[in-house]
Amino acid sequence: MYGCRKYQEHLKRIKSASNHIPPAEKEKIIKNRKTVVQTWKKRKRIASDMMDAILESYPKTKKQFIEDVGIETDEEYNVTVPQIC
């Protein structure tokens, strides 16, 4: 019961807070995020296309090419491109 009361009080403080983000600012943030994610996807696709073109005549594997050139991949850092809502 104590835990529930604690969370209810926390929720009440959050709802009564005066530092909410104005709708216009929220929309601006969402639009900026969408642009950034789209740019990330576009650049990733371009880099992948360039790498595929190079690998057509490269004597080693893709993994070896990435290591030789020193390319850092999203997969190497367990990063995924976010979904655009």
N, C-alpha and C. Protein backbone atom coordinates (compact mmCIF):
# COMPACT_ATOMS: atom_id res chain seq x y z
N MET A 1 0.82 -1.19 0.00
CA MET A 1 0.00 0.00 0.00
C MET A 1 0.86 1.26 0.00
N TYR A 2 1.96 1.22 0.76
CA TYR A 2 2.84 2.39 0.84
C TYR A 2 3.41 2.73 -0.53
N GLY A 3 3.83 1.70 -1.28
CA GLY A 3 4.41 1.93 -2.60
C GLY A 3 3.43 2.60 -3.54
N CYS A 4 2.17 2.17 -3.47
CA CYS A 4 1.13 2.75 -4.32
C CYS A 4 0.92 4.22 -3.98
N ARG A 5 0.87 4.54 -2.71
CA ARG A 5 0.68 5.92 -2.26
C ARG A 5 1.85 6.79 -2.71
N LYS A 6 3.05 6.22 -2.63
CA LYS A 6 4.25 6.94 -3.04
C LYS A 6 4.17 7.31 -4.53
N TYR A 7 3.74 6.36 -5.35
CA TYR A 7 3.63 6.62 -6.78
C TYR A 7 2.49 7.59 -7.09
N GLN A 8 1.40 7.52 -6.33
CA GLN A 8 0.30 8.46 -6.54
C GLN A 8 0.75 9.89 -6.23
N GLU A 9 1.53 10.06 -5.18
CA GLU A 9 2.05 11.38 -4.84
C GLU A 9 3.01 11.87 -5.91
N HIS A 10 3.84 10.97 -6.42
CA HIS A 10 4.78 11.32 -7.48
C HIS A 10 4.02 11.75 -8.74
N LEU A 11 2.97 11.01 -9.07
CA LEU A 11 2.15 11.35 -10.23
C LEU A 11 1.47 12.70 -10.05
N LYS A 12 1.00 12.99 -8.86
CA LYS A 12 0.35 14.26 -8.56
C LYS A 12 1.34 15.42 -8.75
N ARG A 13 2.59 15.23 -8.30
CA ARG A 13 3.61 16.27 -8.47
C ARG A 13 3.92 16.50 -9.94
N ILE A 14 3.97 15.42 -10.70
CA ILE A 14 4.26 15.55 -12.13
C ILE A 14 3.14 16.31 -12.83
N LYS A 15 1.90 15.94 -12.54
CA LYS A 15 0.76 16.58 -13.19
C LYS A 15 0.63 18.05 -12.82
N SER A 16 1.03 18.41 -11.61
CA SER A 16 0.90 19.80 -11.18
C SER A 16 2.12 20.65 -11.52
N ALA A 17 3.12 20.06 -12.13
CA ALA A 17 4.34 20.80 -12.48
C ALA A 17 4.02 21.86 -13.52
N SER A 18 4.70 22.98 -13.42
CA SER A 18 4.46 24.08 -14.35
C SER A 18 5.50 24.15 -15.46
N ASN A 19 6.36 23.17 -15.54
CA ASN A 19 7.43 23.21 -16.54
C ASN A 19 7.14 22.30 -17.74
N HIS A 20 5.87 22.15 -18.10
CA HIS A 20 5.52 21.34 -19.26
C HIS A 20 6.00 22.03 -20.54
N ILE A 21 6.24 21.24 -21.55
CA ILE A 21 6.69 21.77 -22.83
C ILE A 21 5.47 22.30 -23.59
N PRO A 22 5.54 23.53 -24.08
CA PRO A 22 4.42 24.08 -24.86
C PRO A 22 4.22 23.26 -26.14
N PRO A 23 2.99 23.14 -26.62
CA PRO A 23 2.71 22.34 -27.82
C PRO A 23 3.54 22.77 -29.04
N ALA A 24 3.75 24.05 -29.22
CA ALA A 24 4.54 24.52 -30.37
C ALA A 24 5.99 24.04 -30.26
N GLU A 25 6.54 24.08 -29.06
CA GLU A 25 7.92 23.63 -28.85
C GLU A 25 8.01 22.11 -29.05
N LYS A 26 7.00 21.40 -28.56
CA LYS A 26 6.98 19.94 -28.72
C LYS A 26 6.94 19.57 -30.20
N GLU A 27 6.10 20.26 -30.96
CA GLU A 27 5.99 20.01 -32.40
C GLU A 27 7.32 20.29 -33.10
N LYS A 28 7.99 21.35 -32.69
CA LYS A 28 9.29 21.70 -33.27
C LYS A 28 10.32 20.60 -32.99
N ILE A 29 10.31 20.07 -31.78
CA ILE A 29 11.24 19.00 -31.40
C ILE A 29 10.96 17.73 -32.21
N ILE A 30 9.69 17.38 -32.34
CA ILE A 30 9.31 16.18 -33.10
C ILE A 30 9.71 16.33 -34.56
N LYS A 31 9.48 17.51 -35.14
CA LYS A 31 9.85 17.76 -36.54
C LYS A 31 11.36 17.66 -36.73
N ASN A 32 12.12 18.23 -35.80
CA ASN A 32 13.58 18.18 -35.87
C ASN A 32 14.07 16.73 -35.77
N ARG A 33 13.49 15.95 -34.86
CA ARG A 33 13.88 14.54 -34.70
C ARG A 33 13.61 13.77 -36.00
N LYS A 34 12.46 14.03 -36.61
CA LYS A 34 12.11 13.36 -37.86
C LYS A 34 13.14 13.68 -38.94
N THR A 35 13.52 14.94 -39.04
CA THR A 35 14.52 15.36 -40.03
C THR A 35 15.86 14.67 -39.78
N VAL A 36 16.27 14.62 -38.52
CA VAL A 36 17.55 14.01 -38.17
C VAL A 36 17.55 12.51 -38.49
N VAL A 37 16.46 11.82 -38.17
CA VAL A 37 16.38 10.38 -38.44
C VAL A 37 16.38 10.12 -39.94
N GLN A 38 15.65 10.94 -40.70
CA GLN A 38 15.64 10.78 -42.16
C GLN A 38 17.03 11.00 -42.75
N THR A 39 17.73 12.00 -42.25
CA THR A 39 19.09 12.27 -42.72
C THR A 39 20.02 11.11 -42.38
N TRP A 40 19.88 10.56 -41.18
CA TRP A 40 20.69 9.40 -40.76
C TRP A 40 20.46 8.24 -41.72
N LYS A 41 19.19 7.93 -42.01
CA LYS A 41 18.87 6.81 -42.91
C LYS A 41 19.44 7.06 -44.30
N LYS A 42 19.32 8.30 -44.78
CA LYS A 42 19.82 8.64 -46.11
C LYS A 42 21.34 8.46 -46.19
N ARG A 43 22.04 8.98 -45.18
CA ARG A 43 23.51 8.86 -45.18
C ARG A 43 23.96 7.42 -45.03
N LYS A 44 23.23 6.65 -44.23
CA LYS A 44 23.58 5.24 -44.06
C LYS A 44 23.41 4.50 -45.39
N ARG A 45 22.32 4.80 -46.11
CA ARG A 45 22.08 4.16 -47.40
C ARG A 45 23.16 4.55 -48.41
N ILE A 46 23.54 5.83 -48.44
CA ILE A 46 24.58 6.29 -49.37
C ILE A 46 25.91 5.60 -49.06
N ALA A 47 26.26 5.53 -47.77
CA ALA A 47 27.51 4.87 -47.38
C ALA A 47 27.49 3.40 -47.76
N SER A 48 26.35 2.76 -47.58
CA SER A 48 26.23 1.34 -47.93
C SER A 48 26.37 1.14 -49.44
N ASP A 49 25.75 2.01 -50.22
CA ASP A 49 25.86 1.92 -51.68
C ASP A 49 27.30 2.12 -52.14
N MET A 50 27.99 3.10 -51.55
CA MET A 50 29.39 3.33 -51.91
C MET A 50 30.25 2.13 -51.55
N MET A 51 30.01 1.56 -50.37
CA MET A 51 30.79 0.42 -49.93
C MET A 51 30.54 -0.78 -50.85
N ASP A 52 29.28 -0.98 -51.26
CA ASP A 52 28.97 -2.08 -52.17
C ASP A 52 29.67 -1.91 -53.51
N ALA A 53 29.74 -0.67 -54.00
CA ALA A 53 30.42 -0.40 -55.27
C ALA A 53 31.91 -0.71 -55.16
N ILE A 54 32.50 -0.34 -54.05
CA ILE A 54 33.93 -0.62 -53.83
C ILE A 54 34.17 -2.12 -53.71
N LEU A 55 33.27 -2.80 -53.00
CA LEU A 55 33.45 -4.23 -52.74
C LEU A 55 33.33 -5.09 -53.99
N GLU A 56 32.72 -4.55 -55.06
CA GLU A 56 32.61 -5.31 -56.31
C GLU A 56 33.99 -5.68 -56.85
N SER A 57 34.98 -4.81 -56.63
CA SER A 57 36.32 -5.10 -57.14
C SER A 57 37.34 -5.29 -56.01
N TYR A 58 36.88 -5.33 -54.76
CA TYR A 58 37.79 -5.49 -53.62
C TYR A 58 38.03 -6.98 -53.41
N PRO A 59 39.28 -7.39 -53.25
CA PRO A 59 39.59 -8.83 -53.17
C PRO A 59 39.22 -9.49 -51.84
N LYS A 60 38.91 -8.71 -50.83
CA LYS A 60 38.63 -9.30 -49.52
C LYS A 60 37.15 -9.18 -49.17
N THR A 61 36.79 -9.69 -48.01
CA THR A 61 35.40 -9.66 -47.57
C THR A 61 34.99 -8.27 -47.10
N LYS A 62 33.68 -8.09 -46.97
CA LYS A 62 33.15 -6.82 -46.48
C LYS A 62 33.67 -6.53 -45.08
N LYS A 63 33.68 -7.54 -44.24
CA LYS A 63 34.16 -7.38 -42.87
C LYS A 63 35.63 -6.94 -42.86
N GLN A 64 36.44 -7.55 -43.71
CA GLN A 64 37.85 -7.20 -43.79
C GLN A 64 38.03 -5.78 -44.33
N PHE A 65 37.20 -5.40 -45.32
CA PHE A 65 37.26 -4.05 -45.87
C PHE A 65 36.95 -3.01 -44.79
N ILE A 66 35.89 -3.26 -44.02
CA ILE A 66 35.51 -2.34 -42.94
C ILE A 66 36.64 -2.19 -41.94
N GLU A 67 37.30 -3.30 -41.63
CA GLU A 67 38.42 -3.26 -40.68
C GLU A 67 39.62 -2.54 -41.27
N ASP A 68 39.93 -2.82 -42.54
CA ASP A 68 41.09 -2.19 -43.20
C ASP A 68 40.93 -0.67 -43.30
N VAL A 69 39.74 -0.22 -43.63
CA VAL A 69 39.49 1.20 -43.82
C VAL A 69 39.25 1.91 -42.49
N GLY A 70 38.77 1.18 -41.51
CA GLY A 70 38.50 1.77 -40.19
C GLY A 70 37.11 2.37 -40.08
N ILE A 71 36.16 1.77 -40.77
CA ILE A 71 34.78 2.25 -40.72
C ILE A 71 34.12 1.78 -39.44
N GLU A 72 33.44 2.70 -38.77
CA GLU A 72 32.67 2.34 -37.57
C GLU A 72 31.21 2.20 -37.99
N THR A 73 30.61 1.07 -37.67
CA THR A 73 29.23 0.82 -38.07
C THR A 73 28.28 0.95 -36.88
N ASP A 74 27.01 1.18 -37.20
CA ASP A 74 25.99 1.23 -36.16
C ASP A 74 25.91 -0.12 -35.44
N GLU A 75 26.02 -1.18 -36.20
CA GLU A 75 25.92 -2.53 -35.63
C GLU A 75 27.06 -2.79 -34.64
N GLU A 76 28.22 -2.26 -34.93
CA GLU A 76 29.38 -2.42 -34.04
C GLU A 76 29.10 -1.86 -32.65
N TYR A 77 28.31 -0.80 -32.61
CA TYR A 77 27.99 -0.14 -31.34
C TYR A 77 26.57 -0.45 -30.86
N ASN A 78 25.95 -1.46 -31.47
CA ASN A 78 24.58 -1.88 -31.12
C ASN A 78 23.60 -0.71 -31.16
N VAL A 79 23.69 0.08 -32.23
CA VAL A 79 22.80 1.23 -32.41
C VAL A 79 21.86 0.92 -33.56
N THR A 80 20.58 1.22 -33.37
CA THR A 80 19.62 1.05 -34.45
C THR A 80 18.99 2.40 -34.77
N VAL A 81 18.64 2.57 -36.02
CA VAL A 81 17.99 3.80 -36.45
C VAL A 81 16.58 3.80 -35.87
N PRO A 82 16.18 4.85 -35.16
CA PRO A 82 14.84 4.89 -34.56
C PRO A 82 13.74 4.93 -35.61
N GLN A 83 12.57 4.47 -35.23
CA GLN A 83 11.40 4.55 -36.11
C GLN A 83 10.88 5.98 -36.10
N ILE A 84 10.37 6.41 -37.23
CA ILE A 84 9.76 7.74 -37.31
C ILE A 84 8.27 7.56 -37.09
N CYS A 85 7.75 8.25 -36.11
CA CYS A 85 6.31 8.14 -35.79
C CYS A 85 5.50 9.18 -36.52
